[in-house]
Amino acid sequence: MIRYIIRRLIGAVLVVIVISMMTFAIFQIGPKLSGASPAFLYVGKITTPAQVEAVEKRLGLDKPLIEQYWVYMKGIAVGRDFTDGDQVVECPAPCFGYSFRLNTSVWDLIKDRFPVTLSLTIGAAILWLFFGVATGVISALKRGTAIDRAAMVIALAGVSLPVFFTGLVLLSIFSYGPPALRWFPDVHYVPFTESPQEWFRNLILPWTALAFLFAALYARFTRASMLETMSEDYIRTATAKGLPRRDVVAKHGLRAALTPIVTIFGLDLGALLGGAILTESTFSFPGLGLLSYNAIQSEDLPIILGVTIIAALFIVVANVVVDVLYAFIDPRVSLT
């Protein structure tokens, strides 16, 4: 077990390094392919060649790409110093650089916005995992009945409707709709430490909008996996031995059927922790997703690069955790 985890952790580190290299190269080479220097994003469109050259030299953009990447990754590990020619600014580790639009440390921005994304993701994940898996199991056990058909119709609607549409519908009904249904007026993010009650109330609609999409997907996945598992020979053997139906479904069928569900859950959770862009934009929640969206609009490359690396880290870590959980969920999986 320990050797397996160590191997997976080493592989995860290598994957993150490769992703950081590719992302860094894209953001540094991309502007040059259009005939412009990344320094233009720092000094503005109205400038002189001398100003661009000065910024390139000050920020190290005139150095080879490999050396720039090494300085960037070294800053993440041990920190780095920035200078504007007159004064030196220390950027402690992990240093992802400074936003040239907001003039703020990228890491400080990420730390400030991450609790919003974490609150949104964890609450929605609990909802979609519970309702999605439960609906899929019931639908599989009631295959061909009206319950099965109704559940799959709702699941199809959930998969087809984008989050921004569902979110706007929920806001128009429960936030700006008739007074009798205006249960959640003025939806905005409130920190948990400031008011747990308001934190919970303002997150109900975003949780519902985000969970509706994923719960529909998980219901379809669970139904298909349960139908396949319940047709296996060992399930028929357990039934023939006289085991209660509940034990056959829960201990034998569901446990094996959850393996693919755990895989997609880990990846979905990791991806959303890197920023739920559509949901945060719809409800104007200042999380990593909205931070990324605004950075893309303003071409703020340090923020985009920092959030991309953090999102990749979340996905890789989630993948490692999922691989380890396989052994506890499905005894057929061997960690060798």
C-alpha atoms as a PDB file:
ATOM      1  CA  MET A   1       0.000   0.000   0.000  1.00  0.00           C
ATOM      2  CA  ILE A   2       2.720   2.481   1.003  1.00  0.00           C
ATOM      3  CA  ARG A   3       4.799   1.713  -2.086  1.00  0.00           C
ATOM      4  CA  TYR A   4       1.760   2.166  -4.295  1.00  0.00           C
ATOM      5  CA  ILE A   5       0.915   5.551  -2.742  1.00  0.00           C
ATOM      6  CA  ILE A   6       4.537   6.710  -3.114  1.00  0.00           C
ATOM      7  CA  ARG A   7       4.545   5.728  -6.786  1.00  0.00           C
ATOM      8  CA  ARG A   8       1.274   7.522  -7.385  1.00  0.00           C
ATOM      9  CA  LEU A   9       2.533  10.648  -5.596  1.00  0.00           C
ATOM     10  CA  ILE A  10       5.710  10.691  -7.692  1.00  0.00           C
ATOM     11  CA  GLY A  11       3.620  10.316 -10.838  1.00  0.00           C
ATOM     12  CA  ALA A  12       1.327  13.113  -9.673  1.00  0.00           C
ATOM     13  CA  VAL A  13       4.268  15.471  -9.135  1.00  0.00           C
ATOM     14  CA  LEU A  14       5.577  14.708 -12.618  1.00  0.00           C
ATOM     15  CA  VAL A  15       2.150  15.350 -14.135  1.00  0.00           C
ATOM     16  CA  VAL A  16       1.870  18.721 -12.384  1.00  0.00           C
ATOM     17  CA  ILE A  17       5.351  19.685 -13.591  1.00  0.00           C
ATOM     18  CA  VAL A  18       4.494  18.760 -17.186  1.00  0.00           C
ATOM     19  CA  ILE A  19       1.225  20.715 -17.008  1.00  0.00           C
ATOM     20  CA  SER A  20       3.002  23.741 -15.549  1.00  0.00           C
ATOM     21  CA  MET A  21       5.615  23.582 -18.321  1.00  0.00           C
ATOM     22  CA  MET A  22       2.985  23.395 -21.057  1.00  0.00           C
ATOM     23  CA  THR A  23       0.870  26.146 -19.523  1.00  0.00           C
ATOM     24  CA  PHE A  24       3.855  28.420 -18.978  1.00  0.00           C
ATOM     25  CA  ALA A  25       5.045  27.862 -22.548  1.00  0.00           C
ATOM     26  CA  ILE A  26       1.607  28.611 -23.982  1.00  0.00           C
ATOM     27  CA  PHE A  27       1.294  31.873 -22.078  1.00  0.00           C
ATOM     28  CA  GLN A  28       4.814  32.980 -22.924  1.00  0.00           C
ATOM     29  CA  ILE A  29       4.963  31.841 -26.555  1.00  0.00           C
ATOM     30  CA  GLY A  30       1.357  32.666 -27.453  1.00  0.00           C
ATOM     31  CA  PRO A  31       1.740  36.473 -27.516  1.00  0.00           C
ATOM     32  CA  LYS A  32       4.985  36.167 -29.480  1.00  0.00           C
ATOM     33  CA  LEU A  33       3.270  34.140 -32.208  1.00  0.00           C
ATOM     34  CA  SER A  34       1.011  37.128 -32.847  1.00  0.00           C
ATOM     35  CA  GLY A  35       4.044  39.372 -33.212  1.00  0.00           C
ATOM     36  CA  ALA A  36       3.764  40.957 -29.769  1.00  0.00           C
ATOM     37  CA  SER A  37       5.780  40.626 -26.604  1.00  0.00           C
ATOM     38  CA  PRO A  38       4.164  39.614 -23.274  1.00  0.00           C
ATOM     39  CA  ALA A  39       5.552  42.897 -21.976  1.00  0.00           C
ATOM     40  CA  PHE A  40       2.806  44.737 -23.888  1.00  0.00           C
ATOM     41  CA  LEU A  41       0.324  43.310 -21.392  1.00  0.00           C
ATOM     42  CA  TYR A  42       2.246  45.043 -18.606  1.00  0.00           C
ATOM     43  CA  VAL A  43       2.859  48.447 -20.144  1.00  0.00           C
ATOM     44  CA  GLY A  44      -0.327  48.826 -22.208  1.00  0.00           C
ATOM     45  CA  LYS A  45      -1.003  49.221 -25.901  1.00  0.00           C
ATOM     46  CA  ILE A  46       0.178  52.835 -26.159  1.00  0.00           C
ATOM     47  CA  THR A  47       3.894  52.594 -25.494  1.00  0.00           C
ATOM     48  CA  THR A  48       7.327  52.894 -27.063  1.00  0.00           C
ATOM     49  CA  PRO A  49       9.772  50.131 -27.984  1.00  0.00           C
ATOM     50  CA  ALA A  50      12.150  51.445 -25.340  1.00  0.00           C
ATOM     51  CA  GLN A  51       9.499  51.027 -22.607  1.00  0.00           C
ATOM     52  CA  VAL A  52       8.725  47.487 -23.776  1.00  0.00           C
ATOM     53  CA  GLU A  53      12.404  46.594 -23.773  1.00  0.00           C
ATOM     54  CA  ALA A  54      12.831  48.009 -20.273  1.00  0.00           C
ATOM     55  CA  VAL A  55       9.917  45.953 -18.943  1.00  0.00           C
ATOM     56  CA  GLU A  56      11.218  42.805 -20.624  1.00  0.00           C
ATOM     57  CA  LYS A  57      14.590  43.271 -18.985  1.00  0.00           C
ATOM     58  CA  ARG A  58      13.126  44.116 -15.566  1.00  0.00           C
ATOM     59  CA  LEU A  59      10.807  41.094 -15.541  1.00  0.00           C
ATOM     60  CA  GLY A  60      13.280  38.726 -17.143  1.00  0.00           C
ATOM     61  CA  LEU A  61      11.178  38.277 -20.270  1.00  0.00           C
ATOM     62  CA  ASP A  62      14.274  38.696 -22.420  1.00  0.00           C
ATOM     63  CA  LYS A  63      15.830  35.546 -20.965  1.00  0.00           C
ATOM     64  CA  PRO A  64      15.484  32.052 -22.519  1.00  0.00           C
ATOM     65  CA  LEU A  65      12.142  30.378 -21.906  1.00  0.00           C
ATOM     66  CA  ILE A  66      13.683  27.574 -19.858  1.00  0.00           C
ATOM     67  CA  GLU A  67      15.353  30.071 -17.546  1.00  0.00           C
ATOM     68  CA  GLN A  68      12.083  32.007 -17.165  1.00  0.00           C
ATOM     69  CA  TYR A  69      10.281  28.783 -16.248  1.00  0.00           C
ATOM     70  CA  TRP A  70      12.958  27.875 -13.698  1.00  0.00           C
ATOM     71  CA  VAL A  71      12.662  31.278 -12.034  1.00  0.00           C
ATOM     72  CA  TYR A  72       8.864  30.956 -11.950  1.00  0.00           C
ATOM     73  CA  MET A  73       8.883  27.463 -10.398  1.00  0.00           C
ATOM     74  CA  LYS A  74      11.627  28.472  -7.969  1.00  0.00           C
ATOM     75  CA  GLY A  75       9.414  31.361  -6.882  1.00  0.00           C
ATOM     76  CA  ILE A  76       6.597  28.921  -6.126  1.00  0.00           C
ATOM     77  CA  ALA A  77       8.945  26.775  -4.053  1.00  0.00           C
ATOM     78  CA  VAL A  78      11.027  29.348  -2.156  1.00  0.00           C
ATOM     79  CA  GLY A  79       9.707  32.763  -3.203  1.00  0.00           C
ATOM     80  CA  ARG A  80      11.312  35.472  -5.316  1.00  0.00           C
ATOM     81  CA  ASP A  81      11.920  39.220  -5.463  1.00  0.00           C
ATOM     82  CA  PHE A  82      10.450  41.696  -7.927  1.00  0.00           C
ATOM     83  CA  THR A  83      11.863  45.112  -8.736  1.00  0.00           C
ATOM     84  CA  ASP A  84      10.576  48.098 -10.670  1.00  0.00           C
ATOM     85  CA  GLY A  85      14.028  49.635 -10.855  1.00  0.00           C
ATOM     86  CA  ASP A  86      13.632  51.757  -7.731  1.00  0.00           C
ATOM     87  CA  GLN A  87      12.541  49.320  -5.043  1.00  0.00           C
ATOM     88  CA  VAL A  88      12.517  45.582  -4.440  1.00  0.00           C
ATOM     89  CA  VAL A  89       9.290  43.764  -3.503  1.00  0.00           C
ATOM     90  CA  GLU A  90       9.605  40.409  -1.767  1.00  0.00           C
ATOM     91  CA  CYS A  91       7.114  37.734  -2.842  1.00  0.00           C
ATOM     92  CA  PRO A  92       7.167  34.868  -0.291  1.00  0.00           C
ATOM     93  CA  ALA A  93       6.539  31.264  -1.283  1.00  0.00           C
ATOM     94  CA  PRO A  94       4.380  30.123  -2.893  1.00  0.00           C
ATOM     95  CA  CYS A  95       4.879  33.027  -5.291  1.00  0.00           C
ATOM     96  CA  PHE A  96       2.785  32.880  -8.453  1.00  0.00           C
ATOM     97  CA  GLY A  97       3.720  36.398  -9.422  1.00  0.00           C
ATOM     98  CA  TYR A  98       1.748  39.624  -9.300  1.00  0.00           C
ATOM     99  CA  SER A  99      -1.385  40.589 -11.175  1.00  0.00           C
ATOM    100  CA  PHE A 100      -0.499  43.518 -13.392  1.00  0.00           C
ATOM    101  CA  ARG A 101      -4.156  44.604 -13.528  1.00  0.00           C
ATOM    102  CA  LEU A 102      -4.948  44.387  -9.806  1.00  0.00           C
ATOM    103  CA  ASN A 103      -1.366  44.981  -8.593  1.00  0.00           C
ATOM    104  CA  THR A 104      -1.828  42.203  -6.045  1.00  0.00           C
ATOM    105  CA  SER A 105      -0.050  38.946  -5.338  1.00  0.00           C
ATOM    106  CA  VAL A 106      -1.679  36.104  -7.276  1.00  0.00           C
ATOM    107  CA  TRP A 107      -1.382  33.797  -4.281  1.00  0.00           C
ATOM    108  CA  ASP A 108      -3.185  36.320  -2.069  1.00  0.00           C
ATOM    109  CA  LEU A 109      -5.989  36.493  -4.646  1.00  0.00           C
ATOM    110  CA  ILE A 110      -6.236  32.699  -4.765  1.00  0.00           C
ATOM    111  CA  LYS A 111      -6.326  32.434  -0.963  1.00  0.00           C
ATOM    112  CA  ASP A 112      -9.004  35.107  -0.779  1.00  0.00           C
ATOM    113  CA  ARG A 113     -11.229  33.509  -3.448  1.00  0.00           C
ATOM    114  CA  PHE A 114     -10.726  29.821  -2.635  1.00  0.00           C
ATOM    115  CA  PRO A 115     -13.134  29.678   0.374  1.00  0.00           C
ATOM    116  CA  VAL A 116     -15.947  30.772  -1.953  1.00  0.00           C
ATOM    117  CA  THR A 117     -15.200  28.017  -4.461  1.00  0.00           C
ATOM    118  CA  LEU A 118     -14.716  25.463  -1.681  1.00  0.00           C
ATOM    119  CA  SER A 119     -18.081  26.333  -0.108  1.00  0.00           C
ATOM    120  CA  LEU A 120     -19.843  26.077  -3.447  1.00  0.00           C
ATOM    121  CA  THR A 121     -18.165  22.822  -4.485  1.00  0.00           C
ATOM    122  CA  ILE A 122     -18.453  20.841  -1.243  1.00  0.00           C
ATOM    123  CA  GLY A 123     -22.136  21.630  -0.704  1.00  0.00           C
ATOM    124  CA  ALA A 124     -23.085  20.883  -4.299  1.00  0.00           C
ATOM    125  CA  ALA A 125     -20.988  17.687  -4.293  1.00  0.00           C
ATOM    126  CA  ILE A 126     -22.856  16.319  -1.269  1.00  0.00           C
ATOM    127  CA  LEU A 127     -26.185  17.018  -2.957  1.00  0.00           C
ATOM    128  CA  TRP A 128     -25.367  15.596  -6.371  1.00  0.00           C
ATOM    129  CA  LEU A 129     -23.633  12.501  -4.967  1.00  0.00           C
ATOM    130  CA  PHE A 130     -26.511  11.609  -2.648  1.00  0.00           C
ATOM    131  CA  PHE A 131     -29.412  12.335  -4.990  1.00  0.00           C
ATOM    132  CA  GLY A 132     -27.614  11.179  -8.130  1.00  0.00           C
ATOM    133  CA  VAL A 133     -26.546   7.801  -6.773  1.00  0.00           C
ATOM    134  CA  ALA A 134     -29.847   7.218  -4.973  1.00  0.00           C
ATOM    135  CA  THR A 135     -31.838   8.031  -8.107  1.00  0.00           C
ATOM    136  CA  GLY A 136     -29.647   5.793 -10.238  1.00  0.00           C
ATOM    137  CA  VAL A 137     -29.964   2.829  -7.866  1.00  0.00           C
ATOM    138  CA  ILE A 138     -33.732   3.153  -7.568  1.00  0.00           C
ATOM    139  CA  SER A 139     -34.086   3.554 -11.319  1.00  0.00           C
ATOM    140  CA  ALA A 140     -31.989   0.428 -11.950  1.00  0.00           C
ATOM    141  CA  LEU A 141     -33.953  -1.650  -9.443  1.00  0.00           C
ATOM    142  CA  LYS A 142     -37.238  -0.380 -10.910  1.00  0.00           C
ATOM    143  CA  ARG A 143     -36.131  -0.824 -14.506  1.00  0.00           C
ATOM    144  CA  GLY A 144     -38.889  -0.305 -17.044  1.00  0.00           C
ATOM    145  CA  THR A 145     -41.376   1.128 -14.544  1.00  0.00           C
ATOM    146  CA  ALA A 146     -42.882   4.597 -14.448  1.00  0.00           C
ATOM    147  CA  ILE A 147     -40.377   5.530 -11.707  1.00  0.00           C
ATOM    148  CA  ASP A 148     -37.489   4.571 -13.978  1.00  0.00           C
ATOM    149  CA  ARG A 149     -38.864   6.536 -16.924  1.00  0.00           C
ATOM    150  CA  ALA A 150     -39.595   9.627 -14.833  1.00  0.00           C
ATOM    151  CA  ALA A 151     -36.138   9.566 -13.263  1.00  0.00           C
ATOM    152  CA  MET A 152     -34.409   9.297 -16.645  1.00  0.00           C
ATOM    153  CA  VAL A 153     -36.528  12.097 -18.120  1.00  0.00           C
ATOM    154  CA  ILE A 154     -35.495  14.364 -15.246  1.00  0.00           C
ATOM    155  CA  ALA A 155     -31.879  13.228 -15.673  1.00  0.00           C
ATOM    156  CA  LEU A 156     -32.020  13.993 -19.378  1.00  0.00           C
ATOM    157  CA  ALA A 157     -33.342  17.471 -18.612  1.00  0.00           C
ATOM    158  CA  GLY A 158     -30.579  18.028 -16.065  1.00  0.00           C
ATOM    159  CA  VAL A 159     -27.885  16.987 -18.526  1.00  0.00           C
ATOM    160  CA  SER A 160     -29.362  19.136 -21.307  1.00  0.00           C
ATOM    161  CA  LEU A 161     -29.840  22.354 -19.334  1.00  0.00           C
ATOM    162  CA  PRO A 162     -26.642  24.364 -18.749  1.00  0.00           C
ATOM    163  CA  VAL A 163     -25.845  25.696 -15.297  1.00  0.00           C
ATOM    164  CA  PHE A 164     -26.245  29.336 -16.276  1.00  0.00           C
ATOM    165  CA  PHE A 165     -29.781  28.641 -17.552  1.00  0.00           C
ATOM    166  CA  THR A 166     -30.797  26.695 -14.437  1.00  0.00           C
ATOM    167  CA  GLY A 167     -29.239  29.328 -12.213  1.00  0.00           C
ATOM    168  CA  LEU A 168     -31.039  32.203 -13.922  1.00  0.00           C
ATOM    169  CA  VAL A 169     -34.350  30.327 -13.712  1.00  0.00           C
ATOM    170  CA  LEU A 170     -33.856  29.749  -9.995  1.00  0.00           C
ATOM    171  CA  LEU A 171     -32.954  33.396  -9.454  1.00  0.00           C
ATOM    172  CA  SER A 172     -35.936  34.645 -11.457  1.00  0.00           C
ATOM    173  CA  ILE A 173     -38.334  32.506  -9.391  1.00  0.00           C
ATOM    174  CA  PHE A 174     -36.921  32.448  -5.874  1.00  0.00           C
ATOM    175  CA  SER A 175     -34.966  35.684  -5.752  1.00  0.00           C
ATOM    176  CA  TYR A 176     -36.712  38.154  -8.097  1.00  0.00           C
ATOM    177  CA  GLY A 177     -40.042  36.414  -8.656  1.00  0.00           C
ATOM    178  CA  PRO A 178     -43.463  36.825  -7.029  1.00  0.00           C
ATOM    179  CA  PRO A 179     -43.342  37.906  -3.382  1.00  0.00           C
ATOM    180  CA  ALA A 180     -44.820  34.583  -2.273  1.00  0.00           C
ATOM    181  CA  LEU A 181     -41.876  32.710  -3.836  1.00  0.00           C
ATOM    182  CA  ARG A 182     -39.149  35.225  -3.061  1.00  0.00           C
ATOM    183  CA  TRP A 183     -37.507  32.928  -0.513  1.00  0.00           C
ATOM    184  CA  PHE A 184     -33.883  33.895  -1.262  1.00  0.00           C
ATOM    185  CA  PRO A 185     -33.694  37.625  -2.010  1.00  0.00           C
ATOM    186  CA  ASP A 186     -30.394  39.337  -2.737  1.00  0.00           C
ATOM    187  CA  VAL A 187     -28.295  36.197  -3.222  1.00  0.00           C
ATOM    188  CA  HIS A 188     -24.625  36.968  -2.562  1.00  0.00           C
ATOM    189  CA  TYR A 189     -21.744  35.223  -0.878  1.00  0.00           C
ATOM    190  CA  VAL A 190     -21.407  35.677   2.879  1.00  0.00           C
ATOM    191  CA  PRO A 191     -18.340  34.169   4.614  1.00  0.00           C
ATOM    192  CA  PHE A 192     -19.094  31.327   7.006  1.00  0.00           C
ATOM    193  CA  THR A 193     -17.124  33.027   9.780  1.00  0.00           C
ATOM    194  CA  GLU A 194     -19.267  36.130   9.424  1.00  0.00           C
ATOM    195  CA  SER A 195     -22.690  34.461   9.573  1.00  0.00           C
ATOM    196  CA  PRO A 196     -23.168  30.674   9.185  1.00  0.00           C
ATOM    197  CA  GLN A 197     -26.901  31.119   8.686  1.00  0.00           C
ATOM    198  CA  GLU A 198     -26.523  33.683   5.893  1.00  0.00           C
ATOM    199  CA  TRP A 199     -23.717  31.615   4.380  1.00  0.00           C
ATOM    200  CA  PHE A 200     -26.042  28.637   4.125  1.00  0.00           C
ATOM    201  CA  ARG A 201     -29.059  30.620   2.888  1.00  0.00           C
ATOM    202  CA  ASN A 202     -27.164  32.346   0.091  1.00  0.00           C
ATOM    203  CA  LEU A 203     -25.622  29.099  -1.122  1.00  0.00           C
ATOM    204  CA  ILE A 204     -28.850  27.104  -1.501  1.00  0.00           C
ATOM    205  CA  LEU A 205     -29.628  28.304  -5.033  1.00  0.00           C
ATOM    206  CA  PRO A 206     -26.038  27.958  -6.350  1.00  0.00           C
ATOM    207  CA  TRP A 207     -25.798  24.505  -4.786  1.00  0.00           C
ATOM    208  CA  THR A 208     -29.073  23.485  -6.409  1.00  0.00           C
ATOM    209  CA  ALA A 209     -28.122  24.799  -9.849  1.00  0.00           C
ATOM    210  CA  LEU A 210     -24.729  23.099  -9.829  1.00  0.00           C
ATOM    211  CA  ALA A 211     -25.927  19.868  -8.218  1.00  0.00           C
ATOM    212  CA  PHE A 212     -28.832  19.482 -10.664  1.00  0.00           C
ATOM    213  CA  LEU A 213     -26.458  19.078 -13.600  1.00  0.00           C
ATOM    214  CA  PHE A 214     -24.103  16.641 -11.899  1.00  0.00           C
ATOM    215  CA  ALA A 215     -26.851  14.686 -10.136  1.00  0.00           C
ATOM    216  CA  ALA A 216     -28.421  13.995 -13.529  1.00  0.00           C
ATOM    217  CA  LEU A 217     -25.109  12.712 -14.875  1.00  0.00           C
ATOM    218  CA  TYR A 218     -24.486  10.555 -11.816  1.00  0.00           C
ATOM    219  CA  ALA A 219     -28.001   9.115 -11.953  1.00  0.00           C
ATOM    220  CA  ARG A 220     -27.408   7.941 -15.514  1.00  0.00           C
ATOM    221  CA  PHE A 221     -23.955   6.547 -14.710  1.00  0.00           C
ATOM    222  CA  THR A 222     -25.186   4.781 -11.569  1.00  0.00           C
ATOM    223  CA  ARG A 223     -28.177   3.261 -13.339  1.00  0.00           C
ATOM    224  CA  ALA A 224     -26.019   1.861 -16.145  1.00  0.00           C
ATOM    225  CA  SER A 225     -23.407   0.549 -13.718  1.00  0.00           C
ATOM    226  CA  MET A 226     -26.010  -1.038 -11.426  1.00  0.00           C
ATOM    227  CA  LEU A 227     -27.776  -2.746 -14.322  1.00  0.00           C
ATOM    228  CA  GLU A 228     -24.486  -4.253 -15.450  1.00  0.00           C
ATOM    229  CA  THR A 229     -23.452  -5.291 -11.946  1.00  0.00           C
ATOM    230  CA  MET A 230     -26.796  -6.829 -10.988  1.00  0.00           C
ATOM    231  CA  SER A 231     -26.594  -9.133 -14.012  1.00  0.00           C
ATOM    232  CA  GLU A 232     -23.274 -10.649 -12.884  1.00  0.00           C
ATOM    233  CA  ASP A 233     -23.051 -14.302 -11.850  1.00  0.00           C
ATOM    234  CA  TYR A 234     -21.939 -13.587  -8.289  1.00  0.00           C
ATOM    235  CA  ILE A 235     -25.070 -11.489  -7.743  1.00  0.00           C
ATOM    236  CA  ARG A 236     -27.258 -14.359  -8.882  1.00  0.00           C
ATOM    237  CA  THR A 237     -25.283 -16.701  -6.652  1.00  0.00           C
ATOM    238  CA  ALA A 238     -25.746 -14.462  -3.634  1.00  0.00           C
ATOM    239  CA  THR A 239     -29.483 -14.286  -4.363  1.00  0.00           C
ATOM    240  CA  ALA A 240     -29.718 -18.037  -4.781  1.00  0.00           C
ATOM    241  CA  LYS A 241     -28.050 -18.559  -1.399  1.00  0.00           C
ATOM    242  CA  GLY A 242     -30.950 -16.735   0.200  1.00  0.00           C
ATOM    243  CA  LEU A 243     -29.266 -13.468   1.144  1.00  0.00           C
ATOM    244  CA  PRO A 244     -31.723 -10.634   1.790  1.00  0.00           C
ATOM    245  CA  ARG A 245     -32.341  -8.403  -1.211  1.00  0.00           C
ATOM    246  CA  ARG A 246     -31.072  -5.378   0.701  1.00  0.00           C
ATOM    247  CA  ASP A 247     -27.717  -7.052   1.434  1.00  0.00           C
ATOM    248  CA  VAL A 248     -27.343  -8.214  -2.161  1.00  0.00           C
ATOM    249  CA  VAL A 249     -27.926  -4.703  -3.477  1.00  0.00           C
ATOM    250  CA  ALA A 250     -25.954  -2.758  -0.871  1.00  0.00           C
ATOM    251  CA  LYS A 251     -23.018  -5.052  -0.054  1.00  0.00           C
ATOM    252  CA  HIS A 252     -22.491  -6.719  -3.416  1.00  0.00           C
ATOM    253  CA  GLY A 253     -24.145  -4.744  -6.196  1.00  0.00           C
ATOM    254  CA  LEU A 254     -23.718  -1.121  -5.125  1.00  0.00           C
ATOM    255  CA  ARG A 255     -20.189  -1.575  -3.822  1.00  0.00           C
ATOM    256  CA  ALA A 256     -18.953  -2.845  -7.180  1.00  0.00           C
ATOM    257  CA  ALA A 257     -21.054  -0.343  -9.141  1.00  0.00           C
ATOM    258  CA  LEU A 258     -19.545   2.588  -7.248  1.00  0.00           C
ATOM    259  CA  THR A 259     -16.057   2.108  -8.722  1.00  0.00           C
ATOM    260  CA  PRO A 260     -16.659   4.177 -11.900  1.00  0.00           C
ATOM    261  CA  ILE A 261     -18.716   6.661  -9.877  1.00  0.00           C
ATOM    262  CA  VAL A 262     -15.797   7.292  -7.529  1.00  0.00           C
ATOM    263  CA  THR A 263     -13.563   7.918 -10.537  1.00  0.00           C
ATOM    264  CA  ILE A 264     -15.701  10.641 -12.063  1.00  0.00           C
ATOM    265  CA  PHE A 265     -16.546  12.090  -8.647  1.00  0.00           C
ATOM    266  CA  GLY A 266     -12.876  12.618  -7.832  1.00  0.00           C
ATOM    267  CA  LEU A 267     -12.170  14.255 -11.173  1.00  0.00           C
ATOM    268  CA  ASP A 268     -15.305  16.425 -11.044  1.00  0.00           C
ATOM    269  CA  LEU A 269     -14.562  17.529  -7.497  1.00  0.00           C
ATOM    270  CA  GLY A 270     -10.965  18.349  -8.351  1.00  0.00           C
ATOM    271  CA  ALA A 271     -11.983  20.305 -11.448  1.00  0.00           C
ATOM    272  CA  LEU A 272     -14.604  22.348  -9.594  1.00  0.00           C
ATOM    273  CA  LEU A 273     -12.174  23.181  -6.791  1.00  0.00           C
ATOM    274  CA  GLY A 274     -10.159  24.897  -9.499  1.00  0.00           C
ATOM    275  CA  GLY A 275     -13.118  27.148 -10.213  1.00  0.00           C
ATOM    276  CA  ALA A 276     -16.795  26.694 -11.113  1.00  0.00           C
ATOM    277  CA  ILE A 277     -16.740  29.429 -13.739  1.00  0.00           C
ATOM    278  CA  LEU A 278     -20.342  29.257 -14.995  1.00  0.00           C
ATOM    279  CA  THR A 279     -21.953  28.957 -11.564  1.00  0.00           C
ATOM    280  CA  GLU A 280     -19.849  31.699  -9.990  1.00  0.00           C
ATOM    281  CA  SER A 281     -20.430  34.001 -12.954  1.00  0.00           C
ATOM    282  CA  THR A 282     -24.191  33.401 -12.890  1.00  0.00           C
ATOM    283  CA  PHE A 283     -24.526  34.165  -9.182  1.00  0.00           C
ATOM    284  CA  SER A 284     -21.652  36.713  -9.064  1.00  0.00           C
ATOM    285  CA  PHE A 285     -19.801  34.703  -6.430  1.00  0.00           C
ATOM    286  CA  PRO A 286     -16.191  35.940  -6.097  1.00  0.00           C
ATOM    287  CA  GLY A 287     -14.504  32.543  -6.329  1.00  0.00           C
ATOM    288  CA  LEU A 288     -11.650  31.160  -8.387  1.00  0.00           C
ATOM    289  CA  GLY A 289     -13.938  30.676 -11.380  1.00  0.00           C
ATOM    290  CA  LEU A 290     -15.000  34.312 -11.520  1.00  0.00           C
ATOM    291  CA  LEU A 291     -11.402  35.358 -10.854  1.00  0.00           C
ATOM    292  CA  SER A 292     -10.296  33.302 -13.871  1.00  0.00           C
ATOM    293  CA  TYR A 293     -13.080  34.690 -16.046  1.00  0.00           C
ATOM    294  CA  ASN A 294     -12.187  38.284 -15.225  1.00  0.00           C
ATOM    295  CA  ALA A 295      -8.487  37.539 -15.754  1.00  0.00           C
ATOM    296  CA  ILE A 296      -9.226  36.121 -19.201  1.00  0.00           C
ATOM    297  CA  GLN A 297     -11.263  39.192 -20.081  1.00  0.00           C
ATOM    298  CA  SER A 298      -8.437  41.508 -19.017  1.00  0.00           C
ATOM    299  CA  GLU A 299      -5.628  39.250 -20.307  1.00  0.00           C
ATOM    300  CA  ASP A 300      -4.103  39.062 -16.839  1.00  0.00           C
ATOM    301  CA  LEU A 301      -1.676  36.214 -17.546  1.00  0.00           C
ATOM    302  CA  PRO A 302      -0.190  35.774 -14.038  1.00  0.00           C
ATOM    303  CA  ILE A 303      -3.657  35.070 -12.599  1.00  0.00           C
ATOM    304  CA  ILE A 304      -4.604  32.706 -15.416  1.00  0.00           C
ATOM    305  CA  LEU A 305      -1.333  30.805 -15.052  1.00  0.00           C
ATOM    306  CA  GLY A 306      -1.602  30.579 -11.265  1.00  0.00           C
ATOM    307  CA  VAL A 307      -5.210  29.378 -11.219  1.00  0.00           C
ATOM    308  CA  THR A 308      -4.480  26.861 -13.998  1.00  0.00           C
ATOM    309  CA  ILE A 309      -1.642  25.294 -12.007  1.00  0.00           C
ATOM    310  CA  ILE A 310      -3.746  25.194  -8.841  1.00  0.00           C
ATOM    311  CA  ALA A 311      -6.645  23.583 -10.725  1.00  0.00           C
ATOM    312  CA  ALA A 312      -4.305  20.987 -12.229  1.00  0.00           C
ATOM    313  CA  LEU A 313      -2.969  20.241  -8.745  1.00  0.00           C
ATOM    314  CA  PHE A 314      -6.477  19.653  -7.410  1.00  0.00           C
ATOM    315  CA  ILE A 315      -7.327  17.271 -10.249  1.00  0.00           C
ATOM    316  CA  VAL A 316      -4.101  15.284  -9.875  1.00  0.00           C
ATOM    317  CA  VAL A 317      -4.509  14.983  -6.095  1.00  0.00           C
ATOM    318  CA  ALA A 318      -8.131  13.911  -6.518  1.00  0.00           C
ATOM    319  CA  ASN A 319      -7.030  11.255  -9.004  1.00  0.00           C
ATOM    320  CA  VAL A 320      -4.481   9.871  -6.529  1.00  0.00           C
ATOM    321  CA  VAL A 321      -7.081   9.746  -3.753  1.00  0.00           C
ATOM    322  CA  VAL A 322      -9.511   7.943  -6.056  1.00  0.00           C
ATOM    323  CA  ASP A 323      -6.903   5.320  -6.959  1.00  0.00           C
ATOM    324  CA  VAL A 324      -6.269   4.616  -3.276  1.00  0.00           C
ATOM    325  CA  LEU A 325      -9.989   4.418  -2.501  1.00  0.00           C
ATOM    326  CA  TYR A 326     -10.453   1.711  -5.122  1.00  0.00           C
ATOM    327  CA  ALA A 327      -9.014  -0.911  -2.790  1.00  0.00           C
ATOM    328  CA  PHE A 328     -11.522  -0.073  -0.069  1.00  0.00           C
ATOM    329  CA  ILE A 329     -14.529   0.120  -2.366  1.00  0.00           C
ATOM    330  CA  ASP A 330     -13.844  -2.829  -4.660  1.00  0.00           C
ATOM    331  CA  PRO A 331     -11.820  -5.707  -3.170  1.00  0.00           C
ATOM    332  CA  ARG A 332     -11.105  -6.965  -6.698  1.00  0.00           C
ATOM    333  CA  VAL A 333      -8.717  -4.036  -7.192  1.00  0.00           C
ATOM    334  CA  SER A 334      -5.139  -4.763  -6.151  1.00  0.00           C
ATOM    335  CA  LEU A 335      -2.772  -1.977  -5.155  1.00  0.00           C
ATOM    336  CA  THR A 336       0.414  -3.457  -6.573  1.00  0.00           C
END
